[in-house]
N, C-alpha and C. Protein backbone atom coordinates (compact mmCIF):
# COMPACT_ATOMS: atom_id res chain seq x y z
N UNK A 1 -24.36 8.26 12.01
CA UNK A 1 -22.53 7.91 11.70
C UNK A 1 -22.56 7.17 11.57
N UNK A 2 -21.54 6.71 10.49
CA UNK A 2 -21.21 5.60 10.20
C UNK A 2 -19.96 5.00 10.84
N UNK A 3 -19.87 4.14 10.42
CA UNK A 3 -18.92 2.74 10.96
C UNK A 3 -17.64 2.54 10.33
N UNK A 4 -16.48 3.08 10.07
CA UNK A 4 -16.05 2.39 8.53
C UNK A 4 -14.49 0.79 9.00
N UNK A 5 -15.39 -0.21 8.30
CA UNK A 5 -14.35 -1.09 8.56
C UNK A 5 -12.96 -0.50 8.01
N UNK A 6 -12.03 -1.51 8.58
CA UNK A 6 -10.16 -1.07 9.04
C UNK A 6 -9.76 -2.13 8.86
N UNK A 7 -8.80 -2.63 7.83
CA UNK A 7 -8.14 -4.21 8.16
C UNK A 7 -6.62 -3.94 7.78
N UNK A 8 -5.65 -4.15 9.23
CA UNK A 8 -4.55 -4.29 8.93
C UNK A 8 -3.46 -5.73 8.83
N UNK A 9 -3.14 -4.46 7.69
CA UNK A 9 -2.44 -5.41 6.58
C UNK A 9 -0.31 -5.02 7.29
N UNK A 10 -0.09 -5.86 7.32
CA UNK A 10 1.71 -5.64 8.21
C UNK A 10 2.51 -6.80 6.71
N UNK A 11 3.52 -6.27 6.32
CA UNK A 11 4.03 -6.66 5.20
C UNK A 11 5.51 -5.82 5.01
N UNK A 12 6.71 -6.59 5.03
CA UNK A 12 7.64 -6.86 5.69
C UNK A 12 8.56 -6.96 4.19
N UNK A 13 9.27 -6.60 3.35
CA UNK A 13 9.76 -6.29 1.78
C UNK A 13 11.22 -6.16 2.22
N UNK A 14 12.01 -6.55 1.00
CA UNK A 14 13.35 -6.51 -0.26
C UNK A 14 13.26 -6.71 -1.16
N UNK A 15 13.77 -5.76 -1.81
CA UNK A 15 13.97 -6.07 -3.59
C UNK A 15 13.01 -6.05 -4.15
N UNK A 16 12.17 -4.87 -5.00
CA UNK A 16 11.43 -5.07 -6.26
C UNK A 16 12.00 -4.41 -6.50
N UNK A 17 11.40 -4.71 -8.23
CA UNK A 17 11.44 -4.02 -9.10
C UNK A 17 9.86 -3.24 -9.86
N UNK A 18 9.70 -1.78 -9.64
CA UNK A 18 7.98 -1.12 -9.60
C UNK A 18 8.19 -1.17 -11.33
N UNK A 19 8.89 -1.27 -11.83
CA UNK A 19 8.86 -0.91 -13.33
C UNK A 19 7.39 -2.03 -14.08
N UNK A 20 8.64 -3.01 -12.98
CA UNK A 20 8.38 -4.86 -13.52
C UNK A 20 7.14 -5.19 -13.16
N UNK A 21 6.29 -4.65 -12.07
CA UNK A 21 5.04 -4.56 -10.99
C UNK A 21 3.80 -3.62 -11.64
N UNK A 22 4.24 -2.53 -12.47
CA UNK A 22 3.27 -1.91 -12.84
C UNK A 22 2.30 -2.13 -14.02
N UNK A 23 2.45 -3.12 -15.14
CA UNK A 23 2.23 -3.71 -15.44
C UNK A 23 0.65 -3.14 -16.63
N UNK A 24 -0.08 -3.63 -17.20
CA UNK A 24 -1.05 -3.43 -17.95
C UNK A 24 -1.15 -1.76 -17.42
N UNK A 25 -1.55 -1.06 -16.17
CA UNK A 25 -2.02 0.14 -15.74
C UNK A 25 -1.03 1.89 -16.62
N UNK A 26 -1.77 2.14 -16.83
CA UNK A 26 -1.34 4.05 -16.90
C UNK A 26 -1.52 4.27 -15.96
N UNK A 27 -0.57 4.24 -14.52
CA UNK A 27 -1.85 4.50 -12.90
C UNK A 27 -1.85 6.34 -13.44
N UNK A 28 -2.89 6.71 -12.72
CA UNK A 28 -2.58 8.06 -12.88
C UNK A 28 -2.32 9.46 -11.46
N UNK A 29 -1.83 8.35 -10.87
CA UNK A 29 -2.20 8.93 -9.51
C UNK A 29 -0.51 8.20 -9.10
N UNK A 30 0.65 8.60 -9.05
CA UNK A 30 1.81 7.96 -8.38
C UNK A 30 2.65 8.69 -7.49
N UNK A 31 3.02 7.81 -6.31
CA UNK A 31 3.97 8.85 -5.19
C UNK A 31 5.21 7.19 -4.73
N UNK A 32 5.82 8.60 -3.59
CA UNK A 32 7.04 7.65 -3.42
C UNK A 32 6.77 8.06 -2.07
N UNK A 33 7.29 7.38 -1.25
CA UNK A 33 8.32 7.52 0.20
C UNK A 33 8.73 6.41 0.76
N UNK A 34 9.10 7.42 1.67
CA UNK A 34 10.29 6.56 2.50
C UNK A 34 10.71 7.59 3.80
N UNK A 35 11.05 6.21 4.31
CA UNK A 35 11.72 6.59 5.36
C UNK A 35 13.64 6.70 6.06
N UNK A 36 14.57 7.54 6.34
CA UNK A 36 15.64 7.33 6.45
C UNK A 36 16.03 6.06 7.55
N UNK A 37 17.25 5.62 7.83
CA UNK A 37 17.34 4.31 9.27
C UNK A 37 16.62 5.84 10.36
N UNK A 38 16.47 4.88 11.57
CA UNK A 38 16.33 5.75 12.88
C UNK A 38 14.20 6.69 12.90
N UNK A 39 14.13 6.84 11.26
CA UNK A 39 13.17 7.33 11.11
C UNK A 39 11.44 7.19 10.90
N UNK A 40 10.22 6.86 11.42
CA UNK A 40 9.41 6.56 11.08
C UNK A 40 8.52 7.99 10.71
N UNK A 41 7.25 7.41 10.06
CA UNK A 41 6.03 7.85 9.48
C UNK A 41 4.54 7.75 9.44
N UNK A 42 3.95 8.72 9.71
CA UNK A 42 2.80 8.24 9.19
C UNK A 42 2.69 8.84 7.39
N UNK A 43 1.76 8.16 6.86
CA UNK A 43 0.98 8.77 5.36
C UNK A 43 -0.18 8.24 5.26
N UNK A 44 -1.10 9.32 5.16
CA UNK A 44 -2.69 9.56 4.05
C UNK A 44 -2.29 9.66 3.40
N UNK A 45 -3.06 7.83 2.76
CA UNK A 45 -2.39 7.91 1.09
C UNK A 45 -4.30 8.54 0.53
N UNK A 46 -4.38 9.09 -0.40
CA UNK A 46 -5.55 9.76 -1.38
C UNK A 46 -7.01 9.27 -1.26
N UNK A 47 -7.05 8.08 -1.16
CA UNK A 47 -7.97 7.14 -0.81
C UNK A 47 -8.61 7.49 0.73
N UNK A 48 -7.28 7.67 1.77
CA UNK A 48 -8.72 7.86 3.21
C UNK A 48 -7.27 7.06 4.07
N UNK A 49 -7.14 5.93 3.33
CA UNK A 49 -6.09 5.10 4.12
C UNK A 49 -4.64 5.19 4.77
N UNK A 50 -4.55 4.55 5.77
CA UNK A 50 -3.42 5.10 6.50
C UNK A 50 -2.20 4.62 6.33
N UNK A 51 -0.60 4.96 6.34
CA UNK A 51 -0.09 3.62 6.63
C UNK A 51 1.64 4.69 7.25
N UNK A 52 1.50 3.29 8.07
CA UNK A 52 2.58 3.90 9.30
C UNK A 52 4.68 2.97 8.54
N UNK A 53 4.65 3.72 7.90
CA UNK A 53 6.55 3.27 7.83
C UNK A 53 7.21 3.08 8.48
N UNK A 54 7.90 1.85 9.19
CA UNK A 54 8.59 1.90 10.11
C UNK A 54 9.74 2.10 9.40
N UNK A 55 11.15 2.41 10.23
CA UNK A 55 12.24 2.90 9.60
C UNK A 55 13.29 2.23 8.27
N UNK A 56 13.72 2.90 8.30
CA UNK A 56 13.82 2.68 6.70
C UNK A 56 13.19 1.59 5.95
N UNK A 57 12.54 3.00 4.81
CA UNK A 57 11.32 1.88 3.97
C UNK A 57 11.40 2.51 3.01
N UNK A 58 11.09 1.66 2.13
CA UNK A 58 10.12 3.04 0.96
C UNK A 58 9.60 2.14 0.01
N UNK A 59 8.38 3.11 -0.50
CA UNK A 59 6.80 2.46 -0.43
C UNK A 59 7.20 3.05 -2.27
N UNK A 60 6.26 2.76 -2.84
CA UNK A 60 5.54 3.07 -3.82
C UNK A 60 4.69 2.96 -3.98
N UNK A 61 3.18 3.95 -4.07
CA UNK A 61 1.57 4.34 -4.47
C UNK A 61 1.28 4.28 -5.94
N UNK A 62 0.57 3.96 -6.64
CA UNK A 62 -0.11 3.84 -7.79
C UNK A 62 -1.62 3.44 -7.51
N UNK A 63 -1.92 4.90 -7.84
CA UNK A 63 -3.35 4.89 -7.47
C UNK A 63 -3.86 4.61 -9.02
N UNK A 64 -4.97 3.91 -9.55
CA UNK A 64 -5.96 3.90 -10.88
C UNK A 64 -7.31 4.69 -10.86
N UNK A 65 -8.06 4.21 -11.92
CA UNK A 65 -9.45 3.70 -11.37
C UNK A 65 -9.66 2.79 -12.13
N UNK A 66 -9.10 1.79 -11.31
CA UNK A 66 -9.36 0.51 -10.91
C UNK A 66 -8.84 -0.26 -9.88
N UNK A 67 -7.78 0.14 -9.55
CA UNK A 67 -7.07 -0.40 -8.56
C UNK A 67 -6.11 0.69 -7.99
N UNK A 68 -5.82 0.03 -6.48
CA UNK A 68 -5.24 0.87 -5.81
C UNK A 68 -3.87 0.51 -5.41
N UNK A 69 -2.72 -0.07 -5.67
CA UNK A 69 -1.46 -0.75 -5.61
C UNK A 69 -0.11 0.12 -4.65
N UNK A 70 0.15 -1.24 -3.83
CA UNK A 70 0.93 0.18 -2.93
C UNK A 70 2.63 -1.31 -2.97
N UNK A 71 3.18 -0.98 -3.02
CA UNK A 71 4.83 -1.46 -3.47
C UNK A 71 5.38 -0.62 -2.65
N UNK A 72 5.80 -2.15 -1.80
CA UNK A 72 6.69 -1.62 -0.34
C UNK A 72 8.18 -2.27 -1.02
N UNK A 73 9.41 -1.16 -1.76
CA UNK A 73 10.24 -2.28 -2.01
C UNK A 73 11.40 -2.19 -0.84
N UNK A 74 11.10 -1.86 0.36
CA UNK A 74 12.43 -2.01 1.17
C UNK A 74 11.55 -1.63 2.16
N UNK A 75 12.20 -2.15 4.16
CA UNK A 75 11.63 -2.13 5.04
C UNK A 75 9.88 -2.40 5.66
N UNK A 76 9.74 -1.96 5.89
CA UNK A 76 8.05 -3.02 7.17
C UNK A 76 7.00 -1.98 6.67
N UNK A 77 5.61 -1.71 6.52
CA UNK A 77 4.42 -1.03 6.77
C UNK A 77 3.71 -1.97 7.26
N UNK A 78 3.33 -0.92 7.53
CA UNK A 78 1.83 -1.16 8.49
C UNK A 78 0.48 -0.12 7.98
N UNK A 79 -0.43 -1.04 7.63
CA UNK A 79 -1.70 -0.13 6.04
C UNK A 79 -2.84 -0.53 7.51
N UNK A 80 -3.60 0.89 7.53
CA UNK A 80 -4.87 0.97 7.91
C UNK A 80 -5.73 1.01 6.84
N UNK A 81 -6.15 0.35 6.02
CA UNK A 81 -7.13 0.31 4.82
C UNK A 81 -8.67 0.83 4.63
N UNK A 82 -9.10 1.77 4.41
CA UNK A 82 -10.26 2.39 3.66
C UNK A 82 -11.34 1.31 3.24
N UNK A 83 -12.51 0.45 3.12
CA UNK A 83 -13.07 0.30 2.26
C UNK A 83 -14.04 0.15 1.88
N UNK A 84 -14.42 1.48 1.44
CA UNK A 84 -15.58 2.26 1.25
C UNK A 84 -15.40 2.44 0.16
N UNK A 85 -14.21 2.14 -0.30
CA UNK A 85 -13.86 2.52 -1.79
C UNK A 85 -13.62 1.37 -2.74
N UNK A 86 -14.57 1.69 -3.40
CA UNK A 86 -14.74 -0.03 -4.31
C UNK A 86 -13.61 -0.51 -5.58
N UNK A 87 -12.61 -0.04 -5.49
CA UNK A 87 -11.34 -0.07 -5.91
C UNK A 87 -10.38 -1.72 -4.88
N UNK A 88 -9.82 -2.02 -5.75
CA UNK A 88 -8.90 -3.48 -4.81
C UNK A 88 -7.75 -2.52 -4.70
N UNK A 89 -7.28 -3.00 -3.10
CA UNK A 89 -6.29 -2.05 -1.68
C UNK A 89 -5.41 -3.95 -2.17
N UNK A 90 -4.22 -3.39 -2.76
CA UNK A 90 -3.30 -4.00 -3.24
C UNK A 90 -1.77 -4.09 -2.38
N UNK A 91 -1.55 -4.37 -2.16
CA UNK A 91 0.45 -4.67 -1.42
C UNK A 91 0.99 -5.32 -1.95
N UNK A 92 2.48 -5.30 -2.55
CA UNK A 92 2.98 -6.11 -2.81
C UNK A 92 4.56 -5.61 -2.41
N UNK A 93 5.36 -6.61 -1.83
CA UNK A 93 6.28 -6.41 -1.20
C UNK A 93 7.49 -8.27 -1.33
N UNK A 94 8.75 -8.12 -1.52
CA UNK A 94 9.12 -9.00 -0.64
C UNK A 94 8.87 -10.57 -1.62
N UNK A 95 7.92 -11.26 -1.20
CA UNK A 95 8.15 -12.79 -1.62
C UNK A 95 6.12 -12.82 -1.91
N UNK A 96 5.70 -11.43 -1.49
CA UNK A 96 4.01 -12.00 -0.88
C UNK A 96 3.34 -10.65 -1.82
N UNK A 97 1.57 -10.79 -1.83
CA UNK A 97 0.88 -9.63 -1.71
C UNK A 97 -0.06 -10.40 -0.79
N UNK A 98 -0.54 -9.08 -0.80
CA UNK A 98 -2.34 -9.08 -0.15
C UNK A 98 -3.23 -8.16 -0.78
N UNK A 99 -4.15 -8.49 -0.60
CA UNK A 99 -5.29 -7.78 -1.90
C UNK A 99 -6.12 -7.74 -0.37
N UNK A 100 -7.13 -6.65 -0.47
CA UNK A 100 -8.64 -6.23 0.30
C UNK A 100 -9.67 -5.98 -1.26
N UNK A 101 -10.22 -6.45 -0.91
CA UNK A 101 -11.61 -7.08 -1.74
C UNK A 101 -13.23 -6.56 -1.22
N UNK A 102 -14.03 -5.46 -0.86
CA UNK A 102 -14.89 -5.22 0.08
C UNK A 102 -14.93 -6.73 0.68
N UNK A 103 -13.73 -5.90 1.27
CA UNK A 103 -13.54 -6.10 3.26
C UNK A 103 -12.96 -8.07 3.15
N UNK A 104 -12.72 -8.33 1.95
CA UNK A 104 -12.08 -9.47 2.27
C UNK A 104 -10.08 -9.62 1.96
N UNK A 105 -9.15 -10.39 2.93
CA UNK A 105 -8.19 -10.90 2.59
C UNK A 105 -7.62 -11.23 1.42
N UNK A 106 -7.16 -11.03 0.43
CA UNK A 106 -6.49 -12.60 -0.58
C UNK A 106 -5.76 -12.31 -0.66
N UNK A 107 -4.32 -13.39 -0.43
CA UNK A 107 -3.56 -13.33 -1.29
C UNK A 107 -3.24 -14.64 -2.80
């Protein structure tokens, strides 16, 4: 049984323009998740990673053959990232960006 490494990332964000962040990619998979005030939710992403959305949170998930990108436009999200996928996992929100590449977190 192979033990997979997971990486916890936490990111608090406020107001982010999604269209400006999509850049040159034509994402094959696009998802939108949100929680209402007082609601919390756990999401399993297509790559097997999980995200816990805190109350009053909005998040866009954009995946293609080269990158896994998550944009938190409001609220707070906690990530458990699967690192067996060769594509980088990028989280953008507020004033920061976090990137997981082969087990390394880069900002």
